[in-house]
Amino acid sequence: MEISEDILFQSIKEIIIQSREKVFRIANSTLLLTYWQIGQLIIENEQKGKERAEYGKFILKNLSKKLTLEFGKGFDYTNLSNMRKFYTAFPIVDALRQQLSWTHYRLLIKLDNSDKMNYYINESIQNNWNYRDLKRQINSLAYERVLEHKKTSTETIQSVLKDPYIFEFLGLKPSEKISEKEIETGIIDHIQKFLLEFGKGFAFVARQQHISTDTSDFYIDLVFYNYILKCFVIIDLKTGELSHQDIGQIDMYVRMYDDLKRGEGDNPTIGILLCSEKDETIVKYSVLNDQNNLFASKYLLYLPKEEELKQIIDQDRIRFELDQQDKNSEL
């Protein structure tokens, strides 16, 4: 049976793509193993030296000159130092994740603890982060911004959500007065980057979704579905200070969504208030503090300096942990 030219083209295209992907995987695996083995040899040689630090520096400089003359770029002092760190950070070769490239690992070996490193490794693989994605997540302290790191294999909403969120990619100036509609439009225009920042497992469902009851009509800003948690996640955007009315509204939206939209097999709907200013007193003495499906997270329209961001995160974490302790003591 004769096939059309378009089908023939697509079939050949698929073969070429698969072939290139296979070649890349093999090349990447070989490169990682090569750099790991070089790092191993450097470390083992250093351990035989009497004055380890000076000896190691001297050896690496000489090695870089000789290897560069022999093989060209890729073996300068900095890269040999990275190979050394690579082996130190991953002393078991079978622990290397072949889905990640050498550029990923060059970022990972700079991290200061194994929990953080494992978080970024797993997130990079699960979310298919490239080098730039991983670099942004590390620079924006994504690990530190996650509400609660899971202690088991089971995902929870606390292990998915962050506080604060950073939306510098929207291109909006925080110094100017910005409407909720402008932020909403910016999110839709940059939906891929928003999903990357928002967390894993989210799929976009609707913007300004119409919910109708017997007496009224309502419009929910943004609706997502999280296929890991198996539930709808509705978002209400606020540009001003958080109020009790805002909290009452998101609580009502969640109850309505559960009643009118939630399907069989879906877990209870989660509601998130994304606000530019969050009054912790209002949060503490509202329904947000009583329920596990309502959250308020602050968003920033710029990427702060690291020290400023750390301070914001530390303040939020202390409050979150105290709230969790209060909830547990009441049980």
C-alpha atoms as a PDB file:
ATOM      1  CA  MET A   1       0.000   0.000   0.000  1.00  0.00           C
ATOM      2  CA  GLU A   2       1.485   3.366  -1.045  1.00  0.00           C
ATOM      3  CA  ILE A   3       1.814   5.929   1.727  1.00  0.00           C
ATOM      4  CA  SER A   4       1.536   9.682   1.300  1.00  0.00           C
ATOM      5  CA  GLU A   5       4.586  11.916   1.122  1.00  0.00           C
ATOM      6  CA  ASP A   6       3.623  13.609   4.417  1.00  0.00           C
ATOM      7  CA  ILE A   7       3.417  10.279   6.256  1.00  0.00           C
ATOM      8  CA  LEU A   8       6.750   9.215   4.750  1.00  0.00           C
ATOM      9  CA  PHE A   9       8.329  12.507   5.850  1.00  0.00           C
ATOM     10  CA  GLN A  10       6.981  12.166   9.415  1.00  0.00           C
ATOM     11  CA  SER A  11       8.195   8.557   9.649  1.00  0.00           C
ATOM     12  CA  ILE A  12      11.706   9.466   8.520  1.00  0.00           C
ATOM     13  CA  LYS A  13      11.711  12.523  10.806  1.00  0.00           C
ATOM     14  CA  GLU A  14      10.828  10.347  13.797  1.00  0.00           C
ATOM     15  CA  ILE A  15      13.646   7.908  13.010  1.00  0.00           C
ATOM     16  CA  ILE A  16      16.171  10.759  12.784  1.00  0.00           C
ATOM     17  CA  ILE A  17      14.968  12.322  16.053  1.00  0.00           C
ATOM     18  CA  GLN A  18      15.143   9.005  17.891  1.00  0.00           C
ATOM     19  CA  SER A  19      18.602   8.329  16.468  1.00  0.00           C
ATOM     20  CA  ARG A  20      19.905  11.729  17.556  1.00  0.00           C
ATOM     21  CA  GLU A  21      18.449  11.313  21.036  1.00  0.00           C
ATOM     22  CA  LYS A  22      20.135   7.926  21.324  1.00  0.00           C
ATOM     23  CA  VAL A  23      23.477   9.364  20.202  1.00  0.00           C
ATOM     24  CA  PHE A  24      23.126  12.213  22.728  1.00  0.00           C
ATOM     25  CA  ARG A  25      22.344   9.816  25.583  1.00  0.00           C
ATOM     26  CA  ILE A  26      25.350   7.642  24.767  1.00  0.00           C
ATOM     27  CA  ALA A  27      27.652  10.672  24.376  1.00  0.00           C
ATOM     28  CA  ASN A  28      26.388  12.254  27.595  1.00  0.00           C
ATOM     29  CA  SER A  29      26.799   9.025  29.555  1.00  0.00           C
ATOM     30  CA  THR A  30      30.342   8.597  28.221  1.00  0.00           C
ATOM     31  CA  LEU A  31      31.248  12.203  29.051  1.00  0.00           C
ATOM     32  CA  LEU A  32      29.953  11.925  32.627  1.00  0.00           C
ATOM     33  CA  LEU A  33      31.861   8.697  33.181  1.00  0.00           C
ATOM     34  CA  THR A  34      35.032  10.220  31.720  1.00  0.00           C
ATOM     35  CA  TYR A  35      34.880  13.292  33.969  1.00  0.00           C
ATOM     36  CA  TRP A  36      34.014  11.145  36.994  1.00  0.00           C
ATOM     37  CA  GLN A  37      37.026   8.886  36.371  1.00  0.00           C
ATOM     38  CA  ILE A  38      39.324  11.897  35.941  1.00  0.00           C
ATOM     39  CA  GLY A  39      38.028  13.328  39.214  1.00  0.00           C
ATOM     40  CA  GLN A  40      38.616   9.985  40.918  1.00  0.00           C
ATOM     41  CA  LEU A  41      42.233   9.827  39.697  1.00  0.00           C
ATOM     42  CA  ILE A  42      42.897  13.401  40.851  1.00  0.00           C
ATOM     43  CA  ILE A  43      41.487  12.731  44.330  1.00  0.00           C
ATOM     44  CA  GLU A  44      43.366   9.455  44.723  1.00  0.00           C
ATOM     45  CA  ASN A  45      46.608  11.133  43.633  1.00  0.00           C
ATOM     46  CA  GLU A  46      46.065  14.031  46.062  1.00  0.00           C
ATOM     47  CA  GLN A  47      45.566  11.661  48.955  1.00  0.00           C
ATOM     48  CA  LYS A  48      49.119  10.411  48.466  1.00  0.00           C
ATOM     49  CA  GLY A  49      50.563  13.942  48.716  1.00  0.00           C
ATOM     50  CA  LYS A  50      51.923  15.282  51.989  1.00  0.00           C
ATOM     51  CA  GLU A  51      50.582  18.832  51.761  1.00  0.00           C
ATOM     52  CA  ARG A  52      47.268  18.128  50.151  1.00  0.00           C
ATOM     53  CA  ALA A  53      45.923  21.616  49.280  1.00  0.00           C
ATOM     54  CA  GLU A  54      49.106  23.064  47.804  1.00  0.00           C
ATOM     55  CA  TYR A  55      50.041  19.783  46.195  1.00  0.00           C
ATOM     56  CA  GLY A  56      46.631  19.451  44.577  1.00  0.00           C
ATOM     57  CA  LYS A  57      46.676  23.006  43.209  1.00  0.00           C
ATOM     58  CA  PHE A  58      50.158  22.533  41.763  1.00  0.00           C
ATOM     59  CA  ILE A  59      49.243  19.218  40.129  1.00  0.00           C
ATOM     60  CA  LEU A  60      46.020  20.562  38.589  1.00  0.00           C
ATOM     61  CA  LYS A  61      47.760  23.554  37.026  1.00  0.00           C
ATOM     62  CA  ASN A  62      50.388  21.337  35.415  1.00  0.00           C
ATOM     63  CA  LEU A  63      47.791  18.808  34.302  1.00  0.00           C
ATOM     64  CA  SER A  64      45.605  21.499  32.728  1.00  0.00           C
ATOM     65  CA  LYS A  65      48.523  22.796  30.629  1.00  0.00           C
ATOM     66  CA  LYS A  66      49.506  19.335  29.371  1.00  0.00           C
ATOM     67  CA  LEU A  67      45.927  18.141  28.697  1.00  0.00           C
ATOM     68  CA  THR A  68      45.008  21.371  26.896  1.00  0.00           C
ATOM     69  CA  LEU A  69      48.030  21.001  24.616  1.00  0.00           C
ATOM     70  CA  GLU A  70      47.079  17.398  23.915  1.00  0.00           C
ATOM     71  CA  PHE A  71      43.273  17.610  23.651  1.00  0.00           C
ATOM     72  CA  GLY A  72      42.364  21.283  23.332  1.00  0.00           C
ATOM     73  CA  LYS A  73      39.574  23.052  25.261  1.00  0.00           C
ATOM     74  CA  GLY A  74      37.731  21.439  28.137  1.00  0.00           C
ATOM     75  CA  PHE A  75      40.651  20.620  30.411  1.00  0.00           C
ATOM     76  CA  ASP A  76      41.601  23.974  31.902  1.00  0.00           C
ATOM     77  CA  TYR A  77      42.218  24.405  35.635  1.00  0.00           C
ATOM     78  CA  THR A  78      38.595  25.343  36.368  1.00  0.00           C
ATOM     79  CA  ASN A  79      37.129  22.335  34.584  1.00  0.00           C
ATOM     80  CA  LEU A  80      39.591  19.926  36.223  1.00  0.00           C
ATOM     81  CA  SER A  81      38.599  21.429  39.585  1.00  0.00           C
ATOM     82  CA  ASN A  82      34.952  20.785  38.688  1.00  0.00           C
ATOM     83  CA  MET A  83      35.767  17.148  37.862  1.00  0.00           C
ATOM     84  CA  ARG A  84      37.419  16.829  41.241  1.00  0.00           C
ATOM     85  CA  LYS A  85      34.323  18.268  42.956  1.00  0.00           C
ATOM     86  CA  PHE A  86      32.123  16.041  40.782  1.00  0.00           C
ATOM     87  CA  TYR A  87      33.766  12.883  42.105  1.00  0.00           C
ATOM     88  CA  THR A  88      33.723  14.224  45.672  1.00  0.00           C
ATOM     89  CA  ALA A  89      29.987  14.988  45.488  1.00  0.00           C
ATOM     90  CA  PHE A  90      29.131  11.699  43.731  1.00  0.00           C
ATOM     91  CA  PRO A  91      31.671   9.078  44.871  1.00  0.00           C
ATOM     92  CA  ILE A  92      29.411   6.213  43.712  1.00  0.00           C
ATOM     93  CA  VAL A  93      29.357   6.162  39.926  1.00  0.00           C
ATOM     94  CA  ASP A  94      26.078   4.227  39.754  1.00  0.00           C
ATOM     95  CA  ALA A  95      24.374   7.138  41.548  1.00  0.00           C
ATOM     96  CA  LEU A  96      24.896   9.414  38.547  1.00  0.00           C
ATOM     97  CA  ARG A  97      21.646  10.269  36.760  1.00  0.00           C
ATOM     98  CA  GLN A  98      22.137   9.934  33.037  1.00  0.00           C
ATOM     99  CA  GLN A  99      19.186  12.247  32.297  1.00  0.00           C
ATOM    100  CA  LEU A 100      21.322  15.159  33.498  1.00  0.00           C
ATOM    101  CA  SER A 101      24.143  16.731  31.519  1.00  0.00           C
ATOM    102  CA  TRP A 102      27.557  17.920  32.626  1.00  0.00           C
ATOM    103  CA  THR A 103      26.222  21.502  32.649  1.00  0.00           C
ATOM    104  CA  HIS A 104      23.573  20.394  35.175  1.00  0.00           C
ATOM    105  CA  TYR A 105      26.200  18.767  37.360  1.00  0.00           C
ATOM    106  CA  ARG A 106      28.438  21.835  37.298  1.00  0.00           C
ATOM    107  CA  LEU A 107      25.611  23.699  39.045  1.00  0.00           C
ATOM    108  CA  LEU A 108      24.731  20.852  41.409  1.00  0.00           C
ATOM    109  CA  ILE A 109      28.261  20.388  42.792  1.00  0.00           C
ATOM    110  CA  LYS A 110      28.183  23.973  44.115  1.00  0.00           C
ATOM    111  CA  LEU A 111      25.281  23.202  46.490  1.00  0.00           C
ATOM    112  CA  ASP A 112      26.023  22.984  50.186  1.00  0.00           C
ATOM    113  CA  ASN A 113      24.061  19.923  51.320  1.00  0.00           C
ATOM    114  CA  SER A 114      22.849  16.584  49.988  1.00  0.00           C
ATOM    115  CA  ASP A 115      19.127  17.169  50.662  1.00  0.00           C
ATOM    116  CA  LYS A 116      19.170  20.299  48.545  1.00  0.00           C
ATOM    117  CA  MET A 117      21.158  18.546  45.835  1.00  0.00           C
ATOM    118  CA  ASN A 118      18.743  15.594  45.724  1.00  0.00           C
ATOM    119  CA  TYR A 119      15.781  17.983  45.515  1.00  0.00           C
ATOM    120  CA  TYR A 120      17.201  19.743  42.443  1.00  0.00           C
ATOM    121  CA  ILE A 121      18.239  16.439  40.842  1.00  0.00           C
ATOM    122  CA  ASN A 122      14.764  14.952  41.208  1.00  0.00           C
ATOM    123  CA  GLU A 123      12.982  18.142  40.150  1.00  0.00           C
ATOM    124  CA  SER A 124      15.261  18.534  37.114  1.00  0.00           C
ATOM    125  CA  ILE A 125      14.454  15.021  35.938  1.00  0.00           C
ATOM    126  CA  GLN A 126      10.726  15.069  36.738  1.00  0.00           C
ATOM    127  CA  ASN A 127      10.179  18.488  35.161  1.00  0.00           C
ATOM    128  CA  ASN A 128      12.718  18.154  32.351  1.00  0.00           C
ATOM    129  CA  TRP A 129      14.613  21.261  33.440  1.00  0.00           C
ATOM    130  CA  ASN A 130      17.383  22.378  31.126  1.00  0.00           C
ATOM    131  CA  TYR A 131      20.516  24.146  32.371  1.00  0.00           C
ATOM    132  CA  ARG A 132      18.861  27.580  32.378  1.00  0.00           C
ATOM    133  CA  ASP A 133      15.791  26.307  34.210  1.00  0.00           C
ATOM    134  CA  LEU A 134      17.923  24.684  36.903  1.00  0.00           C
ATOM    135  CA  LYS A 135      20.098  27.789  37.259  1.00  0.00           C
ATOM    136  CA  ARG A 136      17.041  30.014  37.776  1.00  0.00           C
ATOM    137  CA  GLN A 137      15.555  27.642  40.341  1.00  0.00           C
ATOM    138  CA  ILE A 138      18.803  27.534  42.312  1.00  0.00           C
ATOM    139  CA  ASN A 139      19.343  31.302  42.096  1.00  0.00           C
ATOM    140  CA  SER A 140      15.768  31.954  43.237  1.00  0.00           C
ATOM    141  CA  LEU A 141      16.196  29.539  46.190  1.00  0.00           C
ATOM    142  CA  ALA A 142      13.401  27.232  45.047  1.00  0.00           C
ATOM    143  CA  TYR A 143      14.387  24.551  47.575  1.00  0.00           C
ATOM    144  CA  GLU A 144      14.147  26.995  50.464  1.00  0.00           C
ATOM    145  CA  ARG A 145      10.813  28.381  49.222  1.00  0.00           C
ATOM    146  CA  VAL A 146       8.974  25.038  49.238  1.00  0.00           C
ATOM    147  CA  LEU A 147       6.562  25.116  52.170  1.00  0.00           C
ATOM    148  CA  GLU A 148       7.451  21.705  53.551  1.00  0.00           C
ATOM    149  CA  HIS A 149       9.846  19.059  52.243  1.00  0.00           C
ATOM    150  CA  LYS A 150       8.251  15.626  52.174  1.00  0.00           C
ATOM    151  CA  LYS A 151       9.531  13.026  54.602  1.00  0.00           C
ATOM    152  CA  THR A 152       7.927  10.134  52.737  1.00  0.00           C
ATOM    153  CA  SER A 153       7.423   9.159  49.106  1.00  0.00           C
ATOM    154  CA  THR A 154       3.879  10.578  49.227  1.00  0.00           C
ATOM    155  CA  GLU A 155       3.429  14.059  47.794  1.00  0.00           C
ATOM    156  CA  THR A 156       1.394  16.632  49.718  1.00  0.00           C
ATOM    157  CA  ILE A 157       0.245  20.096  48.733  1.00  0.00           C
ATOM    158  CA  GLN A 158       2.780  21.512  51.216  1.00  0.00           C
ATOM    159  CA  SER A 159       5.596  19.741  49.347  1.00  0.00           C
ATOM    160  CA  VAL A 160       4.456  21.261  46.047  1.00  0.00           C
ATOM    161  CA  LEU A 161       3.621  24.867  46.932  1.00  0.00           C
ATOM    162  CA  LYS A 162       6.136  27.654  47.548  1.00  0.00           C
ATOM    163  CA  ASP A 163       6.085  30.884  49.509  1.00  0.00           C
ATOM    164  CA  PRO A 164       6.938  33.387  48.184  1.00  0.00           C
ATOM    165  CA  TYR A 165       6.529  32.940  44.440  1.00  0.00           C
ATOM    166  CA  ILE A 166       8.752  34.925  42.102  1.00  0.00           C
ATOM    167  CA  PHE A 167       7.223  36.189  38.857  1.00  0.00           C
ATOM    168  CA  GLU A 168      10.010  38.347  37.438  1.00  0.00           C
ATOM    169  CA  PHE A 169       9.467  36.684  34.056  1.00  0.00           C
ATOM    170  CA  LEU A 170       6.133  38.520  33.675  1.00  0.00           C
ATOM    171  CA  GLY A 171       8.090  41.675  32.875  1.00  0.00           C
ATOM    172  CA  LEU A 172       5.891  43.827  35.134  1.00  0.00           C
ATOM    173  CA  LYS A 173       7.454  46.672  37.116  1.00  0.00           C
ATOM    174  CA  PRO A 174       6.705  46.380  40.850  1.00  0.00           C
ATOM    175  CA  SER A 175       7.121  50.147  41.243  1.00  0.00           C
ATOM    176  CA  GLU A 176       4.045  50.781  39.092  1.00  0.00           C
ATOM    177  CA  LYS A 177       0.410  50.229  40.002  1.00  0.00           C
ATOM    178  CA  ILE A 178      -0.593  46.932  38.416  1.00  0.00           C
ATOM    179  CA  SER A 179      -4.068  45.459  38.198  1.00  0.00           C
ATOM    180  CA  GLU A 180      -5.034  41.870  38.898  1.00  0.00           C
ATOM    181  CA  LYS A 181      -6.094  41.563  35.263  1.00  0.00           C
ATOM    182  CA  GLU A 182      -2.598  42.565  34.076  1.00  0.00           C
ATOM    183  CA  ILE A 183      -0.979  39.924  36.285  1.00  0.00           C
ATOM    184  CA  GLU A 184      -3.487  37.327  35.118  1.00  0.00           C
ATOM    185  CA  THR A 185      -2.817  38.211  31.478  1.00  0.00           C
ATOM    186  CA  GLY A 186       0.939  38.069  32.100  1.00  0.00           C
ATOM    187  CA  ILE A 187       0.604  34.587  33.582  1.00  0.00           C
ATOM    188  CA  ILE A 188      -1.340  33.347  30.571  1.00  0.00           C
ATOM    189  CA  ASP A 189       1.182  34.924  28.180  1.00  0.00           C
ATOM    190  CA  HIS A 190       4.025  33.196  30.051  1.00  0.00           C
ATOM    191  CA  ILE A 191       2.164  30.048  31.089  1.00  0.00           C
ATOM    192  CA  GLN A 192       5.122  27.716  30.567  1.00  0.00           C
ATOM    193  CA  LYS A 193       7.379  29.781  32.839  1.00  0.00           C
ATOM    194  CA  PHE A 194       4.556  30.163  35.353  1.00  0.00           C
ATOM    195  CA  LEU A 195       4.073  26.387  35.548  1.00  0.00           C
ATOM    196  CA  LEU A 196       7.822  25.952  36.000  1.00  0.00           C
ATOM    197  CA  GLU A 197       7.784  28.394  38.910  1.00  0.00           C
ATOM    198  CA  PHE A 198       4.511  27.211  40.405  1.00  0.00           C
ATOM    199  CA  GLY A 199       5.584  23.630  41.002  1.00  0.00           C
ATOM    200  CA  LYS A 200       5.363  20.153  39.592  1.00  0.00           C
ATOM    201  CA  GLY A 201       2.281  18.384  38.351  1.00  0.00           C
ATOM    202  CA  PHE A 202       0.209  21.411  37.363  1.00  0.00           C
ATOM    203  CA  ALA A 203      -1.791  21.611  34.136  1.00  0.00           C
ATOM    204  CA  PHE A 204      -3.707  24.716  33.060  1.00  0.00           C
ATOM    205  CA  VAL A 205      -7.505  24.331  32.954  1.00  0.00           C
ATOM    206  CA  ALA A 206      -9.161  27.731  32.607  1.00  0.00           C
ATOM    207  CA  ARG A 207      -8.988  31.490  33.027  1.00  0.00           C
ATOM    208  CA  GLN A 208     -11.985  33.360  34.469  1.00  0.00           C
ATOM    209  CA  GLN A 209     -13.904  30.103  34.717  1.00  0.00           C
ATOM    210  CA  HIS A 210     -17.623  30.714  35.013  1.00  0.00           C
ATOM    211  CA  ILE A 211     -19.366  29.108  37.988  1.00  0.00           C
ATOM    212  CA  SER A 212     -23.116  29.489  38.094  1.00  0.00           C
ATOM    213  CA  THR A 213     -25.489  28.803  40.980  1.00  0.00           C
ATOM    214  CA  ASP A 214     -29.270  29.169  41.182  1.00  0.00           C
ATOM    215  CA  THR A 215     -28.906  32.812  42.228  1.00  0.00           C
ATOM    216  CA  SER A 216     -25.498  34.114  41.168  1.00  0.00           C
ATOM    217  CA  ASP A 217     -22.616  33.940  38.685  1.00  0.00           C
ATOM    218  CA  PHE A 218     -18.960  33.822  39.698  1.00  0.00           C
ATOM    219  CA  TYR A 219     -15.677  33.935  37.777  1.00  0.00           C
ATOM    220  CA  ILE A 220     -12.563  32.238  39.154  1.00  0.00           C
ATOM    221  CA  ASP A 221      -9.294  33.900  38.098  1.00  0.00           C
ATOM    222  CA  LEU A 222      -7.254  30.780  37.288  1.00  0.00           C
ATOM    223  CA  VAL A 223      -7.935  27.055  37.516  1.00  0.00           C
ATOM    224  CA  PHE A 224      -5.316  24.286  37.330  1.00  0.00           C
ATOM    225  CA  TYR A 225      -5.333  20.544  37.853  1.00  0.00           C
ATOM    226  CA  ASN A 226      -2.515  18.802  39.689  1.00  0.00           C
ATOM    227  CA  TYR A 227      -2.174  15.282  38.332  1.00  0.00           C
ATOM    228  CA  ILE A 228       0.139  14.222  41.182  1.00  0.00           C
ATOM    229  CA  LEU A 229      -2.276  15.274  43.918  1.00  0.00           C
ATOM    230  CA  LYS A 230      -5.278  14.440  41.710  1.00  0.00           C
ATOM    231  CA  CYS A 231      -7.197  17.595  42.497  1.00  0.00           C
ATOM    232  CA  PHE A 232      -8.238  20.953  41.064  1.00  0.00           C
ATOM    233  CA  VAL A 233      -6.319  23.997  42.281  1.00  0.00           C
ATOM    234  CA  ILE A 234      -8.060  27.351  42.005  1.00  0.00           C
ATOM    235  CA  ILE A 235      -6.191  30.647  42.283  1.00  0.00           C
ATOM    236  CA  ASP A 236      -7.502  34.046  43.271  1.00  0.00           C
ATOM    237  CA  LEU A 237      -5.124  36.944  42.496  1.00  0.00           C
ATOM    238  CA  LYS A 238      -4.895  39.958  44.808  1.00  0.00           C
ATOM    239  CA  THR A 239      -2.782  43.064  44.296  1.00  0.00           C
ATOM    240  CA  GLY A 240      -3.603  44.800  47.572  1.00  0.00           C
ATOM    241  CA  GLU A 241      -3.525  43.761  51.198  1.00  0.00           C
ATOM    242  CA  LEU A 242      -5.174  40.465  52.070  1.00  0.00           C
ATOM    243  CA  SER A 243      -8.577  40.854  53.742  1.00  0.00           C
ATOM    244  CA  HIS A 244     -11.105  38.646  55.491  1.00  0.00           C
ATOM    245  CA  GLN A 245     -13.398  39.145  52.487  1.00  0.00           C
ATOM    246  CA  ASP A 246     -10.722  37.697  50.183  1.00  0.00           C
ATOM    247  CA  ILE A 247     -10.361  34.654  52.435  1.00  0.00           C
ATOM    248  CA  GLY A 248     -14.115  34.166  52.625  1.00  0.00           C
ATOM    249  CA  GLN A 249     -14.323  34.358  48.844  1.00  0.00           C
ATOM    250  CA  ILE A 250     -11.666  31.693  48.166  1.00  0.00           C
ATOM    251  CA  ASP A 251     -13.279  29.456  50.794  1.00  0.00           C
ATOM    252  CA  MET A 252     -16.632  29.840  49.010  1.00  0.00           C
ATOM    253  CA  TYR A 253     -15.044  29.175  45.598  1.00  0.00           C
ATOM    254  CA  VAL A 254     -13.467  25.948  46.858  1.00  0.00           C
ATOM    255  CA  ARG A 255     -16.760  24.707  48.323  1.00  0.00           C
ATOM    256  CA  MET A 256     -18.629  25.584  45.125  1.00  0.00           C
ATOM    257  CA  TYR A 257     -16.005  23.913  42.946  1.00  0.00           C
ATOM    258  CA  ASP A 258     -16.165  20.735  44.981  1.00  0.00           C
ATOM    259  CA  ASP A 259     -19.930  20.729  44.643  1.00  0.00           C
ATOM    260  CA  LEU A 260     -20.238  21.673  40.966  1.00  0.00           C
ATOM    261  CA  LYS A 261     -17.012  20.683  39.174  1.00  0.00           C
ATOM    262  CA  ARG A 262     -15.143  18.052  41.148  1.00  0.00           C
ATOM    263  CA  GLY A 263     -15.279  14.683  39.438  1.00  0.00           C
ATOM    264  CA  GLU A 264     -15.432  11.147  40.767  1.00  0.00           C
ATOM    265  CA  GLY A 265     -11.949  10.121  41.858  1.00  0.00           C
ATOM    266  CA  ASP A 266     -10.751  13.710  42.333  1.00  0.00           C
ATOM    267  CA  ASN A 267      -9.431  14.727  45.731  1.00  0.00           C
ATOM    268  CA  PRO A 268     -10.855  17.835  47.429  1.00  0.00           C
ATOM    269  CA  THR A 269     -10.184  21.114  45.636  1.00  0.00           C
ATOM    270  CA  ILE A 270      -7.377  23.358  46.872  1.00  0.00           C
ATOM    271  CA  GLY A 271      -7.643  27.138  46.958  1.00  0.00           C
ATOM    272  CA  ILE A 272      -4.687  29.521  46.840  1.00  0.00           C
ATOM    273  CA  LEU A 273      -4.732  33.252  47.400  1.00  0.00           C
ATOM    274  CA  LEU A 274      -1.781  34.792  45.553  1.00  0.00           C
ATOM    275  CA  CYS A 275      -1.291  38.209  47.084  1.00  0.00           C
ATOM    276  CA  SER A 276       1.250  41.011  46.913  1.00  0.00           C
ATOM    277  CA  GLU A 277       0.876  41.702  50.642  1.00  0.00           C
ATOM    278  CA  LYS A 278       0.043  39.109  53.297  1.00  0.00           C
ATOM    279  CA  ASP A 279      -1.094  40.103  56.782  1.00  0.00           C
ATOM    280  CA  GLU A 280      -0.034  37.201  58.998  1.00  0.00           C
ATOM    281  CA  THR A 281      -2.471  38.180  61.733  1.00  0.00           C
ATOM    282  CA  ILE A 282      -5.405  37.899  59.338  1.00  0.00           C
ATOM    283  CA  VAL A 283      -4.063  34.562  58.098  1.00  0.00           C
ATOM    284  CA  LYS A 284      -3.649  33.184  61.632  1.00  0.00           C
ATOM    285  CA  TYR A 285      -7.132  34.149  62.821  1.00  0.00           C
ATOM    286  CA  SER A 286      -9.026  33.057  59.731  1.00  0.00           C
ATOM    287  CA  VAL A 287     -10.215  29.854  58.123  1.00  0.00           C
ATOM    288  CA  LEU A 288      -6.794  29.624  56.402  1.00  0.00           C
ATOM    289  CA  ASN A 289      -5.333  28.485  59.709  1.00  0.00           C
ATOM    290  CA  ASP A 290      -7.958  25.794  60.211  1.00  0.00           C
ATOM    291  CA  GLN A 291      -8.070  24.007  56.886  1.00  0.00           C
ATOM    292  CA  ASN A 292      -5.496  22.053  54.884  1.00  0.00           C
ATOM    293  CA  ASN A 293      -6.912  23.000  51.489  1.00  0.00           C
ATOM    294  CA  LEU A 294      -6.687  26.803  51.699  1.00  0.00           C
ATOM    295  CA  PHE A 295      -3.416  28.709  51.391  1.00  0.00           C
ATOM    296  CA  ALA A 296      -2.159  32.248  51.048  1.00  0.00           C
ATOM    297  CA  SER A 297       1.181  32.803  49.317  1.00  0.00           C
ATOM    298  CA  LYS A 298       2.957  36.036  48.593  1.00  0.00           C
ATOM    299  CA  TYR A 299       4.261  36.795  45.117  1.00  0.00           C
ATOM    300  CA  LEU A 300       7.103  39.078  44.047  1.00  0.00           C
ATOM    301  CA  LEU A 301       7.328  40.676  40.617  1.00  0.00           C
ATOM    302  CA  TYR A 302      11.121  40.848  40.822  1.00  0.00           C
ATOM    303  CA  LEU A 303      13.962  38.545  41.807  1.00  0.00           C
ATOM    304  CA  PRO A 304      15.398  39.912  45.077  1.00  0.00           C
ATOM    305  CA  LYS A 305      19.038  39.772  46.039  1.00  0.00           C
ATOM    306  CA  GLU A 306      19.927  36.506  47.773  1.00  0.00           C
ATOM    307  CA  GLU A 307      20.182  37.968  51.276  1.00  0.00           C
ATOM    308  CA  GLU A 308      16.837  39.777  50.960  1.00  0.00           C
ATOM    309  CA  LEU A 309      15.157  36.636  49.651  1.00  0.00           C
ATOM    310  CA  LYS A 310      16.650  34.518  52.455  1.00  0.00           C
ATOM    311  CA  GLN A 311      15.256  36.959  55.014  1.00  0.00           C
ATOM    312  CA  ILE A 312      11.773  36.804  53.477  1.00  0.00           C
ATOM    313  CA  ILE A 313      11.889  32.997  53.372  1.00  0.00           C
ATOM    314  CA  ASP A 314      13.134  32.695  56.966  1.00  0.00           C
ATOM    315  CA  GLN A 315      10.312  34.898  58.253  1.00  0.00           C
ATOM    316  CA  ASP A 316       7.693  32.923  56.340  1.00  0.00           C
ATOM    317  CA  ARG A 317       9.137  29.580  57.451  1.00  0.00           C
ATOM    318  CA  ILE A 318       9.109  30.513  61.128  1.00  0.00           C
ATOM    319  CA  ARG A 319       5.461  31.517  60.869  1.00  0.00           C
ATOM    320  CA  PHE A 320       4.549  28.381  58.914  1.00  0.00           C
ATOM    321  CA  GLU A 321       6.260  26.074  61.418  1.00  0.00           C
ATOM    322  CA  LEU A 322       4.607  27.819  64.366  1.00  0.00           C
ATOM    323  CA  ASP A 323       1.222  27.488  62.678  1.00  0.00           C
ATOM    324  CA  GLN A 324       1.846  23.778  62.075  1.00  0.00           C
ATOM    325  CA  GLN A 325       2.794  23.311  65.730  1.00  0.00           C
ATOM    326  CA  ASP A 326      -0.390  25.081  66.828  1.00  0.00           C
ATOM    327  CA  LYS A 327      -2.471  22.831  64.563  1.00  0.00           C
ATOM    328  CA  ASN A 328      -0.768  19.666  65.862  1.00  0.00           C
ATOM    329  CA  SER A 329      -1.214  20.700  69.512  1.00  0.00           C
ATOM    330  CA  GLU A 330      -4.943  21.109  68.938  1.00  0.00           C
ATOM    331  CA  LEU A 331      -5.329  17.557  67.634  1.00  0.00           C
END
